[in-house]
Amino acid sequence: QVRLMESGGGSVQAGGTLRVSCTASSGYFLHTHATGWYRQASGKECVFVSLINADGSTEYGDSVKGRFAISRDRTKNTVYLQMNNLKPEDTGTYHCTSGGSLWRSCELNKKENNWGQGTQVTVSS
């Protein structure tokens, strides 16, 4: 069974930066799959943040365009999400998901793809 492990979350003030990472268990290669980040905030709908496809193309949610950047390191089998100019509304648990193709829906990704436990990001005003 594939395990995805997120790390790098924390607490920052508005305007700050964080980088979260997603690694996969042995035998699963993130660079040959689509890998993405989704945010679940308490009491709010889970939302799409960003993804990187196997071909390297990237996509971003409207609220993070120009502030966040997704990348990957094939040698470390890791996908990163660099988050700049953080805002309080970016607060939530950031989950990594990976598979042949990703859905915009968190629930569909949980059912159809591999889904990590998440890392908490808290942005204070």
PDB file of N, CA and C in Angstrom:
ATOM      1  N   GLN A   1       0.843  -1.181   0.000  1.00  0.00           N
ATOM      2  CA  GLN A   1       0.000   0.000   0.000  1.00  0.00           C
ATOM      3  C   GLN A   1       0.885   1.240   0.000  1.00  0.00           C
ATOM      4  N   VAL A   2       0.510   2.212  -0.816  1.00  0.00           N
ATOM      5  CA  VAL A   2       1.294   3.434  -0.932  1.00  0.00           C
ATOM      6  C   VAL A   2       0.995   4.355   0.241  1.00  0.00           C
ATOM      7  N   ARG A   3       2.061   4.876   0.822  1.00  0.00           N
ATOM      8  CA  ARG A   3       1.905   5.878   1.870  1.00  0.00           C
ATOM      9  C   ARG A   3       2.472   7.202   1.385  1.00  0.00           C
ATOM     10  N   LEU A   4       1.707   8.263   1.584  1.00  0.00           N
ATOM     11  CA  LEU A   4       2.183   9.614   1.321  1.00  0.00           C
ATOM     12  C   LEU A   4       2.374  10.307   2.659  1.00  0.00           C
ATOM     13  N   MET A   5       3.498  10.994   2.806  1.00  0.00           N
ATOM     14  CA  MET A   5       3.835  11.611   4.086  1.00  0.00           C
ATOM     15  C   MET A   5       4.143  13.084   3.878  1.00  0.00           C
ATOM     16  N   GLU A   6       3.352  13.936   4.522  1.00  0.00           N
ATOM     17  CA  GLU A   6       3.553  15.369   4.431  1.00  0.00           C
ATOM     18  C   GLU A   6       4.360  15.873   5.625  1.00  0.00           C
ATOM     19  N   SER A   7       5.098  16.934   5.393  1.00  0.00           N
ATOM     20  CA  SER A   7       5.855  17.568   6.477  1.00  0.00           C
ATOM     21  C   SER A   7       6.074  19.031   6.148  1.00  0.00           C
ATOM     22  N   GLY A   8       6.533  19.788   7.139  1.00  0.00           N
ATOM     23  CA  GLY A   8       6.909  21.172   6.897  1.00  0.00           C
ATOM     24  C   GLY A   8       5.899  22.214   7.308  1.00  0.00           C
ATOM     25  N   GLY A   9       4.762  21.785   7.818  1.00  0.00           N
ATOM     26  CA  GLY A   9       3.770  22.759   8.258  1.00  0.00           C
ATOM     27  C   GLY A   9       4.251  23.507   9.489  1.00  0.00           C
ATOM     28  N   GLY A  10       3.477  24.510   9.886  1.00  0.00           N
ATOM     29  CA  GLY A  10       3.836  25.270  11.072  1.00  0.00           C
ATOM     30  C   GLY A  10       2.951  26.484  11.214  1.00  0.00           C
ATOM     31  N   SER A  11       3.379  27.381  12.106  1.00  0.00           N
ATOM     32  CA  SER A  11       2.627  28.603  12.359  1.00  0.00           C
ATOM     33  C   SER A  11       3.455  29.808  11.955  1.00  0.00           C
ATOM     34  N   VAL A  12       2.845  30.688  11.167  1.00  0.00           N
ATOM     35  CA  VAL A  12       3.531  31.892  10.725  1.00  0.00           C
ATOM     36  C   VAL A  12       2.572  33.072  10.780  1.00  0.00           C
ATOM     37  N   GLN A  13       3.146  34.261  10.702  1.00  0.00           N
ATOM     38  CA  GLN A  13       2.309  35.448  10.616  1.00  0.00           C
ATOM     39  C   GLN A  13       1.989  35.736   9.154  1.00  0.00           C
ATOM     40  N   ALA A  14       0.935  36.483   8.944  1.00  0.00           N
ATOM     41  CA  ALA A  14       0.554  36.881   7.591  1.00  0.00           C
ATOM     42  C   ALA A  14       1.737  37.553   6.898  1.00  0.00           C
ATOM     43  N   GLY A  15       1.923  37.182   5.628  1.00  0.00           N
ATOM     44  CA  GLY A  15       3.059  37.695   4.873  1.00  0.00           C
ATOM     45  C   GLY A  15       4.269  36.787   4.918  1.00  0.00           C
ATOM     46  N   GLY A  16       4.228  35.786   5.777  1.00  0.00           N
ATOM     47  CA  GLY A  16       5.353  34.875   5.934  1.00  0.00           C
ATOM     48  C   GLY A  16       5.381  33.790   4.872  1.00  0.00           C
ATOM     49  N   THR A  17       6.377  32.909   4.994  1.00  0.00           N
ATOM     50  CA  THR A  17       6.552  31.829   4.028  1.00  0.00           C
ATOM     51  C   THR A  17       6.688  30.491   4.744  1.00  0.00           C
ATOM     52  N   LEU A  18       6.283  29.443   4.056  1.00  0.00           N
ATOM     53  CA  LEU A  18       6.469  28.067   4.504  1.00  0.00           C
ATOM     54  C   LEU A  18       6.661  27.211   3.268  1.00  0.00           C
ATOM     55  N   ARG A  19       7.339  26.097   3.450  1.00  0.00           N
ATOM     56  CA  ARG A  19       7.420  25.099   2.401  1.00  0.00           C
ATOM     57  C   ARG A  19       7.012  23.759   2.977  1.00  0.00           C
ATOM     58  N   VAL A  20       6.012  23.147   2.387  1.00  0.00           N
ATOM     59  CA  VAL A  20       5.572  21.814   2.799  1.00  0.00           C
ATOM     60  C   VAL A  20       6.052  20.807   1.768  1.00  0.00           C
ATOM     61  N   SER A  21       6.274  19.585   2.266  1.00  0.00           N
ATOM     62  CA  SER A  21       6.837  18.529   1.422  1.00  0.00           C
ATOM     63  C   SER A  21       5.963  17.288   1.465  1.00  0.00           C
ATOM     64  N   CYS A  22       5.992  16.545   0.372  1.00  0.00           N
ATOM     65  CA  CYS A  22       5.269  15.278   0.281  1.00  0.00           C
ATOM     66  C   CYS A  22       6.233  14.222  -0.240  1.00  0.00           C
ATOM     67  N   THR A  23       6.408  13.164   0.520  1.00  0.00           N
ATOM     68  CA  THR A  23       7.229  12.047   0.068  1.00  0.00           C
ATOM     69  C   THR A  23       6.358  10.792   0.023  1.00  0.00           C
ATOM     70  N   ALA A  24       6.834   9.805  -0.713  1.00  0.00           N
ATOM     71  CA  ALA A  24       6.069   8.575  -0.887  1.00  0.00           C
ATOM     72  C   ALA A  24       6.860   7.371  -0.395  1.00  0.00           C
ATOM     73  N   SER A  25       6.132   6.351  -0.019  1.00  0.00           N
ATOM     74  CA  SER A  25       6.764   5.126   0.437  1.00  0.00           C
ATOM     75  C   SER A  25       7.534   4.478  -0.702  1.00  0.00           C
ATOM     76  N   SER A  26       8.445   3.612  -0.330  1.00  0.00           N
ATOM     77  CA  SER A  26       9.332   2.968  -1.295  1.00  0.00           C
ATOM     78  C   SER A  26       8.557   2.254  -2.387  1.00  0.00           C
ATOM     79  N   GLY A  27       9.018   2.436  -3.627  1.00  0.00           N
ATOM     80  CA  GLY A  27       8.418   1.746  -4.758  1.00  0.00           C
ATOM     81  C   GLY A  27       7.382   2.551  -5.503  1.00  0.00           C
ATOM     82  N   TYR A  28       7.002   3.690  -4.958  1.00  0.00           N
ATOM     83  CA  TYR A  28       6.037   4.572  -5.620  1.00  0.00           C
ATOM     84  C   TYR A  28       6.774   5.841  -6.008  1.00  0.00           C
ATOM     85  N   PHE A  29       6.727   6.195  -7.281  1.00  0.00           N
ATOM     86  CA  PHE A  29       7.498   7.329  -7.762  1.00  0.00           C
ATOM     87  C   PHE A  29       6.571   8.495  -8.094  1.00  0.00           C
ATOM     88  N   LEU A  30       6.732   9.566  -7.355  1.00  0.00           N
ATOM     89  CA  LEU A  30       5.855  10.716  -7.531  1.00  0.00           C
ATOM     90  C   LEU A  30       6.010  11.334  -8.919  1.00  0.00           C
ATOM     91  N   HIS A  31       7.176  11.287  -9.504  1.00  0.00           N
ATOM     92  CA  HIS A  31       7.390  11.972 -10.772  1.00  0.00           C
ATOM     93  C   HIS A  31       6.702  11.255 -11.942  1.00  0.00           C
ATOM     94  N   THR A  32       6.251  10.050 -11.736  1.00  0.00           N
ATOM     95  CA  THR A  32       5.530   9.341 -12.803  1.00  0.00           C
ATOM     96  C   THR A  32       4.018   9.412 -12.618  1.00  0.00           C
ATOM     97  N   HIS A  33       3.597  10.173 -11.621  1.00  0.00           N
ATOM     98  CA  HIS A  33       2.169  10.344 -11.338  1.00  0.00           C
ATOM     99  C   HIS A  33       1.857  11.824 -11.168  1.00  0.00           C
ATOM    100  N   ALA A  34       0.581  12.146 -11.256  1.00  0.00           N
ATOM    101  CA  ALA A  34       0.149  13.489 -10.882  1.00  0.00           C
ATOM    102  C   ALA A  34       0.130  13.571  -9.357  1.00  0.00           C
ATOM    103  N   THR A  35       0.637  14.654  -8.816  1.00  0.00           N
ATOM    104  CA  THR A  35       0.669  14.847  -7.362  1.00  0.00           C
ATOM    105  C   THR A  35       0.162  16.242  -7.047  1.00  0.00           C
ATOM    106  N   GLY A  36      -0.692  16.321  -6.056  1.00  0.00           N
ATOM    107  CA  GLY A  36      -1.288  17.617  -5.769  1.00  0.00           C
ATOM    108  C   GLY A  36      -1.466  17.885  -4.298  1.00  0.00           C
ATOM    109  N   TRP A  37      -1.816  19.127  -3.989  1.00  0.00           N
ATOM    110  CA  TRP A  37      -2.054  19.581  -2.630  1.00  0.00           C
ATOM    111  C   TRP A  37      -3.477  20.103  -2.507  1.00  0.00           C
ATOM    112  N   TYR A  38      -4.112  19.741  -1.398  1.00  0.00           N
ATOM    113  CA  TYR A  38      -5.469  20.169  -1.093  1.00  0.00           C
ATOM    114  C   TYR A  38      -5.494  20.659   0.353  1.00  0.00           C
ATOM    115  N   ARG A  39      -6.348  21.637   0.613  1.00  0.00           N
ATOM    116  CA  ARG A  39      -6.407  22.223   1.949  1.00  0.00           C
ATOM    117  C   ARG A  39      -7.779  21.980   2.568  1.00  0.00           C
ATOM    118  N   GLN A  40      -7.747  21.496   3.805  1.00  0.00           N
ATOM    119  CA  GLN A  40      -8.981  21.303   4.578  1.00  0.00           C
ATOM    120  C   GLN A  40      -8.917  22.192   5.810  1.00  0.00           C
ATOM    121  N   ALA A  41      -9.757  23.189   5.848  1.00  0.00           N
ATOM    122  CA  ALA A  41      -9.834  24.063   7.014  1.00  0.00           C
ATOM    123  C   ALA A  41     -11.033  23.655   7.851  1.00  0.00           C
ATOM    124  N   SER A  42     -10.927  23.842   9.139  1.00  0.00           N
ATOM    125  CA  SER A  42     -11.991  23.448  10.059  1.00  0.00           C
ATOM    126  C   SER A  42     -13.291  24.153   9.710  1.00  0.00           C
ATOM    127  N   GLY A  43     -14.337  23.369   9.493  1.00  0.00           N
ATOM    128  CA  GLY A  43     -15.642  23.926   9.201  1.00  0.00           C
ATOM    129  C   GLY A  43     -15.820  24.435   7.786  1.00  0.00           C
ATOM    130  N   LYS A  44     -14.820  24.223   6.962  1.00  0.00           N
ATOM    131  CA  LYS A  44     -14.896  24.710   5.579  1.00  0.00           C
ATOM    132  C   LYS A  44     -14.707  23.564   4.595  1.00  0.00           C
ATOM    133  N   GLU A  45     -15.077  23.829   3.355  1.00  0.00           N
ATOM    134  CA  GLU A  45     -14.940  22.826   2.303  1.00  0.00           C
ATOM    135  C   GLU A  45     -13.462  22.606   1.974  1.00  0.00           C
ATOM    136  N   CYS A  46     -13.135  21.360   1.716  1.00  0.00           N
ATOM    137  CA  CYS A  46     -11.777  21.010   1.271  1.00  0.00           C
ATOM    138  C   CYS A  46     -11.592  21.575  -0.141  1.00  0.00           C
ATOM    139  N   VAL A  47     -10.458  22.233  -0.376  1.00  0.00           N
ATOM    140  CA  VAL A  47     -10.258  22.897  -1.666  1.00  0.00           C
ATOM    141  C   VAL A  47      -8.949  22.479  -2.325  1.00  0.00           C
ATOM    142  N   PHE A  48      -8.964  22.539  -3.642  1.00  0.00           N
ATOM    143  CA  PHE A  48      -7.782  22.287  -4.451  1.00  0.00           C
ATOM    144  C   PHE A  48      -6.812  23.458  -4.319  1.00  0.00           C
ATOM    145  N   VAL A  49      -5.525  23.151  -4.163  1.00  0.00           N
ATOM    146  CA  VAL A  49      -4.510  24.189  -4.052  1.00  0.00           C
ATOM    147  C   VAL A  49      -3.603  24.191  -5.284  1.00  0.00           C
ATOM    148  N   SER A  50      -3.001  23.042  -5.574  1.00  0.00           N
ATOM    149  CA  SER A  50      -2.055  22.991  -6.684  1.00  0.00           C
ATOM    150  C   SER A  50      -1.764  21.544  -7.043  1.00  0.00           C
ATOM    151  N   LEU A  51      -1.308  21.323  -8.284  1.00  0.00           N
ATOM    152  CA  LEU A  51      -0.865  19.994  -8.676  1.00  0.00           C
ATOM    153  C   LEU A  51       0.237  20.098  -9.716  1.00  0.00           C
ATOM    154  N   ILE A  52       0.996  19.023  -9.797  1.00  0.00           N
ATOM    155  CA  ILE A  52       2.009  18.891 -10.835  1.00  0.00           C
ATOM    156  C   ILE A  52       1.792  17.548 -11.518  1.00  0.00           C
ATOM    157  N   ASN A  53       1.675  17.584 -12.819  1.00  0.00           N
ATOM    158  CA  ASN A  53       1.447  16.372 -13.586  1.00  0.00           C
ATOM    159  C   ASN A  53       2.766  15.648 -13.864  1.00  0.00           C
ATOM    160  N   ALA A  54       2.647  14.418 -14.333  1.00  0.00           N
ATOM    161  CA  ALA A  54       3.841  13.634 -14.634  1.00  0.00           C
ATOM    162  C   ALA A  54       4.716  14.333 -15.675  1.00  0.00           C
ATOM    163  N   ASP A  55       4.065  15.078 -16.574  1.00  0.00           N
ATOM    164  CA  ASP A  55       4.837  15.763 -17.630  1.00  0.00           C
ATOM    165  C   ASP A  55       5.435  17.082 -17.138  1.00  0.00           C
ATOM    166  N   GLY A  56       5.203  17.414 -15.872  1.00  0.00           N
ATOM    167  CA  GLY A  56       5.773  18.621 -15.297  1.00  0.00           C
ATOM    168  C   GLY A  56       4.885  19.848 -15.357  1.00  0.00           C
ATOM    169  N   SER A  57       3.772  19.759 -16.061  1.00  0.00           N
ATOM    170  CA  SER A  57       2.866  20.893 -16.114  1.00  0.00           C
ATOM    171  C   SER A  57       2.218  21.094 -14.748  1.00  0.00           C
ATOM    172  N   THR A  58       1.891  22.329 -14.435  1.00  0.00           N
ATOM    173  CA  THR A  58       1.363  22.658 -13.111  1.00  0.00           C
ATOM    174  C   THR A  58       0.029  23.397 -13.203  1.00  0.00           C
ATOM    175  N   GLU A  59      -0.740  23.315 -12.140  1.00  0.00           N
ATOM    176  CA  GLU A  59      -2.003  24.030 -12.041  1.00  0.00           C
ATOM    177  C   GLU A  59      -2.137  24.582 -10.630  1.00  0.00           C
ATOM    178  N   TYR A  60      -2.871  25.692 -10.510  1.00  0.00           N
ATOM    179  CA  TYR A  60      -3.053  26.332  -9.210  1.00  0.00           C
ATOM    180  C   TYR A  60      -4.492  26.773  -9.025  1.00  0.00           C
ATOM    181  N   GLY A  61      -4.923  26.728  -7.769  1.00  0.00           N
ATOM    182  CA  GLY A  61      -6.206  27.312  -7.443  1.00  0.00           C
ATOM    183  C   GLY A  61      -6.129  28.821  -7.556  1.00  0.00           C
ATOM    184  N   ASP A  62      -7.253  29.456  -7.839  1.00  0.00           N
ATOM    185  CA  ASP A  62      -7.255  30.896  -8.073  1.00  0.00           C
ATOM    186  C   ASP A  62      -6.724  31.679  -6.876  1.00  0.00           C
ATOM    187  N   SER A  63      -7.010  31.223  -5.679  1.00  0.00           N
ATOM    188  CA  SER A  63      -6.641  31.991  -4.492  1.00  0.00           C
ATOM    189  C   SER A  63      -5.139  31.967  -4.196  1.00  0.00           C
ATOM    190  N   VAL A  64      -4.401  31.070  -4.834  1.00  0.00           N
ATOM    191  CA  VAL A  64      -2.968  30.962  -4.531  1.00  0.00           C
ATOM    192  C   VAL A  64      -2.074  31.319  -5.715  1.00  0.00           C
ATOM    193  N   LYS A  65      -2.664  31.597  -6.863  1.00  0.00           N
ATOM    194  CA  LYS A  65      -1.864  31.939  -8.047  1.00  0.00           C
ATOM    195  C   LYS A  65      -0.992  33.156  -7.767  1.00  0.00           C
ATOM    196  N   GLY A  66       0.273  33.049  -8.140  1.00  0.00           N
ATOM    197  CA  GLY A  66       1.208  34.145  -7.917  1.00  0.00           C
ATOM    198  C   GLY A  66       1.856  34.126  -6.545  1.00  0.00           C
ATOM    199  N   ARG A  67       1.364  33.302  -5.634  1.00  0.00           N
ATOM    200  CA  ARG A  67       1.927  33.243  -4.277  1.00  0.00           C
ATOM    201  C   ARG A  67       2.551  31.885  -3.970  1.00  0.00           C
ATOM    202  N   PHE A  68       1.965  30.826  -4.499  1.00  0.00           N
ATOM    203  CA  PHE A  68       2.444  29.466  -4.225  1.00  0.00           C
ATOM    204  C   PHE A  68       3.129  28.902  -5.465  1.00  0.00           C
ATOM    205  N   ALA A  69       4.078  28.005  -5.243  1.00  0.00           N
ATOM    206  CA  ALA A  69       4.756  27.339  -6.349  1.00  0.00           C
ATOM    207  C   ALA A  69       4.976  25.874  -5.995  1.00  0.00           C
ATOM    208  N   ILE A  70       4.559  24.998  -6.905  1.00  0.00           N
ATOM    209  CA  ILE A  70       4.745  23.562  -6.704  1.00  0.00           C
ATOM    210  C   ILE A  70       5.953  23.112  -7.521  1.00  0.00           C
ATOM    211  N   SER A  71       6.706  22.183  -6.966  1.00  0.00           N
ATOM    212  CA  SER A  71       7.876  21.657  -7.658  1.00  0.00           C
ATOM    213  C   SER A  71       8.151  20.245  -7.170  1.00  0.00           C
ATOM    214  N   ARG A  72       9.088  19.586  -7.791  1.00  0.00           N
ATOM    215  CA  ARG A  72       9.430  18.240  -7.336  1.00  0.00           C
ATOM    216  C   ARG A  72      10.914  17.990  -7.526  1.00  0.00           C
ATOM    217  N   ASP A  73      11.420  17.092  -6.701  1.00  0.00           N
ATOM    218  CA  ASP A  73      12.802  16.643  -6.789  1.00  0.00           C
ATOM    219  C   ASP A  73      12.755  15.143  -7.019  1.00  0.00           C
ATOM    220  N   ARG A  74      13.046  14.744  -8.230  1.00  0.00           N
ATOM    221  CA  ARG A  74      12.970  13.332  -8.592  1.00  0.00           C
ATOM    222  C   ARG A  74      13.937  12.491  -7.756  1.00  0.00           C
ATOM    223  N   THR A  75      15.118  13.032  -7.473  1.00  0.00           N
ATOM    224  CA  THR A  75      16.122  12.253  -6.744  1.00  0.00           C
ATOM    225  C   THR A  75      15.706  11.991  -5.301  1.00  0.00           C
ATOM    226  N   LYS A  76      14.876  12.869  -4.743  1.00  0.00           N
ATOM    227  CA  LYS A  76      14.395  12.695  -3.374  1.00  0.00           C
ATOM    228  C   LYS A  76      12.980  12.143  -3.335  1.00  0.00           C
ATOM    229  N   ASN A  77      12.395  11.927  -4.503  1.00  0.00           N
ATOM    230  CA  ASN A  77      11.017  11.444  -4.591  1.00  0.00           C
ATOM    231  C   ASN A  77      10.095  12.306  -3.729  1.00  0.00           C
ATOM    232  N   THR A  78      10.218  13.601  -3.906  1.00  0.00           N
ATOM    233  CA  THR A  78       9.503  14.565  -3.069  1.00  0.00           C
ATOM    234  C   THR A  78       8.864  15.652  -3.933  1.00  0.00           C
ATOM    235  N   VAL A  79       7.666  16.043  -3.560  1.00  0.00           N
ATOM    236  CA  VAL A  79       6.987  17.183  -4.167  1.00  0.00           C
ATOM    237  C   VAL A  79       6.869  18.273  -3.103  1.00  0.00           C
ATOM    238  N   TYR A  80       7.189  19.488  -3.485  1.00  0.00           N
ATOM    239  CA  TYR A  80       7.176  20.620  -2.571  1.00  0.00           C
ATOM    240  C   TYR A  80       6.070  21.604  -2.943  1.00  0.00           C
ATOM    241  N   LEU A  81       5.602  22.312  -1.937  1.00  0.00           N
ATOM    242  CA  LEU A  81       4.715  23.449  -2.165  1.00  0.00           C
ATOM    243  C   LEU A  81       5.313  24.629  -1.405  1.00  0.00           C
ATOM    244  N   GLN A  82       5.879  25.549  -2.156  1.00  0.00           N
ATOM    245  CA  GLN A  82       6.428  26.769  -1.577  1.00  0.00           C
ATOM    246  C   GLN A  82       5.300  27.782  -1.444  1.00  0.00           C
ATOM    247  N   MET A  83       5.081  28.258  -0.235  1.00  0.00           N
ATOM    248  CA  MET A  83       3.968  29.172   0.028  1.00  0.00           C
ATOM    249  C   MET A  83       4.523  30.503   0.499  1.00  0.00           C
ATOM    250  N   ASN A  84       4.305  31.522  -0.318  1.00  0.00           N
ATOM    251  CA  ASN A  84       4.791  32.861  -0.012  1.00  0.00           C
ATOM    252  C   ASN A  84       3.626  33.802   0.257  1.00  0.00           C
ATOM    253  N   ASN A  85       3.929  34.898   0.926  1.00  0.00           N
ATOM    254  CA  ASN A  85       2.905  35.911   1.223  1.00  0.00           C
ATOM    255  C   ASN A  85       1.639  35.245   1.772  1.00  0.00           C
ATOM    256  N   LEU A  86       1.816  34.437   2.787  1.00  0.00           N
ATOM    257  CA  LEU A  86       0.701  33.687   3.347  1.00  0.00           C
ATOM    258  C   LEU A  86      -0.344  34.597   3.967  1.00  0.00           C
ATOM    259  N   LYS A  87      -1.590  34.165   3.860  1.00  0.00           N
ATOM    260  CA  LYS A  87      -2.726  34.918   4.388  1.00  0.00           C
ATOM    261  C   LYS A  87      -3.462  34.046   5.401  1.00  0.00           C
ATOM    262  N   PRO A  88      -4.193  34.646   6.326  1.00  0.00           N
ATOM    263  CA  PRO A  88      -4.942  33.851   7.309  1.00  0.00           C
ATOM    264  C   PRO A  88      -5.871  32.830   6.650  1.00  0.00           C
ATOM    265  N   GLU A  89      -6.423  33.155   5.494  1.00  0.00           N
ATOM    266  CA  GLU A  89      -7.324  32.218   4.815  1.00  0.00           C
ATOM    267  C   GLU A  89      -6.593  31.010   4.220  1.00  0.00           C
ATOM    268  N   ASP A  90      -5.277  31.003   4.263  1.00  0.00           N
ATOM    269  CA  ASP A  90      -4.518  29.834   3.838  1.00  0.00           C
ATOM    270  C   ASP A  90      -4.422  28.782   4.949  1.00  0.00           C
ATOM    271  N   THR A  91      -4.903  29.106   6.107  1.00  0.00           N
ATOM    272  CA  THR A  91      -4.856  28.198   7.250  1.00  0.00           C
ATOM    273  C   THR A  91      -5.636  26.921   6.980  1.00  0.00           C
ATOM    274  N   GLY A  92      -5.060  25.797   7.375  1.00  0.00           N
ATOM    275  CA  GLY A  92      -5.738  24.521   7.236  1.00  0.00           C
ATOM    276  C   GLY A  92      -4.747  23.369   7.246  1.00  0.00           C
ATOM    277  N   THR A  93      -5.289  22.179   7.089  1.00  0.00           N
ATOM    278  CA  THR A  93      -4.441  21.000   6.956  1.00  0.00           C
ATOM    279  C   THR A  93      -4.199  20.761   5.477  1.00  0.00           C
ATOM    280  N   TYR A  94      -2.950  20.681   5.112  1.00  0.00           N
ATOM    281  CA  TYR A  94      -2.577  20.482   3.713  1.00  0.00           C
ATOM    282  C   TYR A  94      -2.303  19.001   3.470  1.00  0.00           C
ATOM    283  N   HIS A  95      -3.107  18.436   2.578  1.00  0.00           N
ATOM    284  CA  HIS A  95      -2.997  17.027   2.243  1.00  0.00           C
ATOM    285  C   HIS A  95      -2.364  16.861   0.866  1.00  0.00           C
ATOM    286  N   CYS A  96      -1.539  15.854   0.763  1.00  0.00           N
ATOM    287  CA  CYS A  96      -0.932  15.474  -0.506  1.00  0.00           C
ATOM    288  C   CYS A  96      -1.701  14.295  -1.083  1.00  0.00           C
ATOM    289  N   THR A  97      -1.906  14.303  -2.388  1.00  0.00           N
ATOM    290  CA  THR A  97      -2.536  13.177  -3.052  1.00  0.00           C
ATOM    291  C   THR A  97      -1.803  12.897  -4.354  1.00  0.00           C
ATOM    292  N   SER A  98      -1.807  11.659  -4.773  1.00  0.00           N
ATOM    293  CA  SER A  98      -1.084  11.288  -5.977  1.00  0.00           C
ATOM    294  C   SER A  98      -1.744  10.107  -6.651  1.00  0.00           C
ATOM    295  N   GLY A  99      -1.734  10.136  -7.995  1.00  0.00           N
ATOM    296  CA  GLY A  99      -2.330   9.057  -8.755  1.00  0.00           C
ATOM    297  C   GLY A  99      -2.167   9.305 -10.241  1.00  0.00           C
ATOM    298  N   GLY A 100      -2.836   8.475 -11.049  1.00  0.00           N
ATOM    299  CA  GLY A 100      -2.746   8.620 -12.495  1.00  0.00           C
ATOM    300  C   GLY A 100      -3.297   9.948 -12.973  1.00  0.00           C
ATOM    301  N   SER A 101      -4.386  10.373 -12.378  1.00  0.00           N
ATOM    302  CA  SER A 101      -4.950  11.692 -12.640  1.00  0.00           C
ATOM    303  C   SER A 101      -5.679  12.138 -11.388  1.00  0.00           C
ATOM    304  N   LEU A 102      -5.758  13.434 -11.188  1.00  0.00           N
ATOM    305  CA  LEU A 102      -6.354  13.960  -9.968  1.00  0.00           C
ATOM    306  C   LEU A 102      -7.679  14.645 -10.252  1.00  0.00           C
ATOM    307  N   TRP A 103      -8.548  14.604  -9.279  1.00  0.00           N
ATOM    308  CA  TRP A 103      -9.837  15.274  -9.321  1.00  0.00           C
ATOM    309  C   TRP A 103      -9.731  16.610  -8.591  1.00  0.00           C
ATOM    310  N   ARG A 104     -10.597  17.536  -8.897  1.00  0.00           N
ATOM    311  CA  ARG A 104     -10.694  18.759  -8.119  1.00  0.00           C
ATOM    312  C   ARG A 104     -11.327  18.461  -6.755  1.00  0.00           C
ATOM    313  N   SER A 105     -12.121  17.433  -6.682  1.00  0.00           N
ATOM    314  CA  SER A 105     -12.810  17.059  -5.451  1.00  0.00           C
ATOM    315  C   SER A 105     -11.895  16.284  -4.514  1.00  0.00           C
ATOM    316  N   CYS A 106     -11.795  16.720  -3.246  1.00  0.00           N
ATOM    317  CA  CYS A 106     -11.011  16.000  -2.261  1.00  0.00           C
ATOM    318  C   CYS A 106     -11.583  14.600  -2.043  1.00  0.00           C
ATOM    319  N   GLU A 107     -12.899  14.508  -1.971  1.00  0.00           N
ATOM    320  CA  GLU A 107     -13.519  13.220  -1.679  1.00  0.00           C
ATOM    321  C   GLU A 107     -13.207  12.199  -2.765  1.00  0.00           C
ATOM    322  N   LEU A 108     -13.235  12.601  -4.008  1.00  0.00           N
ATOM    323  CA  LEU A 108     -12.919  11.678  -5.095  1.00  0.00           C
ATOM    324  C   LEU A 108     -11.453  11.251  -5.047  1.00  0.00           C
ATOM    325  N   ASN A 109     -10.572  12.183  -4.693  1.00  0.00           N
ATOM    326  CA  ASN A 109      -9.171  11.811  -4.566  1.00  0.00           C
ATOM    327  C   ASN A 109      -8.962  10.824  -3.422  1.00  0.00           C
ATOM    328  N   LYS A 110      -9.678  11.032  -2.319  1.00  0.00           N
ATOM    329  CA  LYS A 110      -9.564  10.103  -1.193  1.00  0.00           C
ATOM    330  C   LYS A 110      -9.977   8.701  -1.605  1.00  0.00           C
ATOM    331  N   LYS A 111     -10.984   8.613  -2.464  1.00  0.00           N
ATOM    332  CA  LYS A 111     -11.487   7.304  -2.890  1.00  0.00           C
ATOM    333  C   LYS A 111     -10.636   6.685  -3.982  1.00  0.00           C
ATOM    334  N   GLU A 112     -10.189   7.511  -4.921  1.00  0.00           N
ATOM    335  CA  GLU A 112      -9.580   6.985  -6.138  1.00  0.00           C
ATOM    336  C   GLU A 112      -8.062   7.014  -6.150  1.00  0.00           C
ATOM    337  N   ASN A 113      -7.475   7.872  -5.304  1.00  0.00           N
ATOM    338  CA  ASN A 113      -6.024   8.040  -5.333  1.00  0.00           C
ATOM    339  C   ASN A 113      -5.435   7.814  -3.948  1.00  0.00           C
ATOM    340  N   ASN A 114      -4.132   7.963  -3.856  1.00  0.00           N
ATOM    341  CA  ASN A 114      -3.455   7.883  -2.569  1.00  0.00           C
ATOM    342  C   ASN A 114      -3.558   9.243  -1.874  1.00  0.00           C
ATOM    343  N   TRP A 115      -3.809   9.218  -0.583  1.00  0.00           N
ATOM    344  CA  TRP A 115      -4.111  10.453   0.163  1.00  0.00           C
ATOM    345  C   TRP A 115      -3.320  10.453   1.462  1.00  0.00           C
ATOM    346  N   GLY A 116      -2.593  11.520   1.753  1.00  0.00           N
ATOM    347  CA  GLY A 116      -1.795  11.593   2.968  1.00  0.00           C
ATOM    348  C   GLY A 116      -2.571  12.124   4.159  1.00  0.00           C
ATOM    349  N   GLN A 117      -1.981  12.001   5.341  1.00  0.00           N
ATOM    350  CA  GLN A 117      -2.635  12.409   6.575  1.00  0.00           C
ATOM    351  C   GLN A 117      -2.643  13.914   6.759  1.00  0.00           C
ATOM    352  N   GLY A 118      -1.728  14.610   6.114  1.00  0.00           N
ATOM    353  CA  GLY A 118      -1.739  16.065   6.139  1.00  0.00           C
ATOM    354  C   GLY A 118      -0.756  16.691   7.111  1.00  0.00           C
ATOM    355  N   THR A 119      -0.477  17.969   6.879  1.00  0.00           N
ATOM    356  CA  THR A 119       0.369  18.764   7.757  1.00  0.00           C
ATOM    357  C   THR A 119      -0.337  20.105   7.991  1.00  0.00           C
ATOM    358  N   GLN A 120      -0.337  20.561   9.234  1.00  0.00           N
ATOM    359  CA  GLN A 120      -1.095  21.753   9.603  1.00  0.00           C
ATOM    360  C   GLN A 120      -0.314  23.028   9.297  1.00  0.00           C
ATOM    361  N   VAL A 121      -1.015  23.961   8.672  1.00  0.00           N
ATOM    362  CA  VAL A 121      -0.469  25.300   8.418  1.00  0.00           C
ATOM    363  C   VAL A 121      -1.402  26.309   9.070  1.00  0.00           C
ATOM    364  N   THR A 122      -0.839  27.147   9.916  1.00  0.00           N
ATOM    365  CA  THR A 122      -1.621  28.165  10.598  1.00  0.00           C
ATOM    366  C   THR A 122      -1.012  29.529  10.329  1.00  0.00           C
ATOM    367  N   VAL A 123      -1.833  30.433   9.802  1.00  0.00           N
ATOM    368  CA  VAL A 123      -1.372  31.783   9.490  1.00  0.00           C
ATOM    369  C   VAL A 123      -2.169  32.772  10.336  1.00  0.00           C
ATOM    370  N   SER A 124      -1.462  33.530  11.141  1.00  0.00           N
ATOM    371  CA  SER A 124      -2.126  34.487  12.023  1.00  0.00           C
ATOM    372  C   SER A 124      -2.021  35.893  11.438  1.00  0.00           C
ATOM    373  N   SER A 125      -3.032  36.689  11.758  1.00  0.00           N
ATOM    374  CA  SER A 125      -3.067  38.061  11.222  1.00  0.00           C
ATOM    375  C   SER A 125      -2.307  39.021  12.114  1.00  0.00           C
TER     376      SER A 125
END
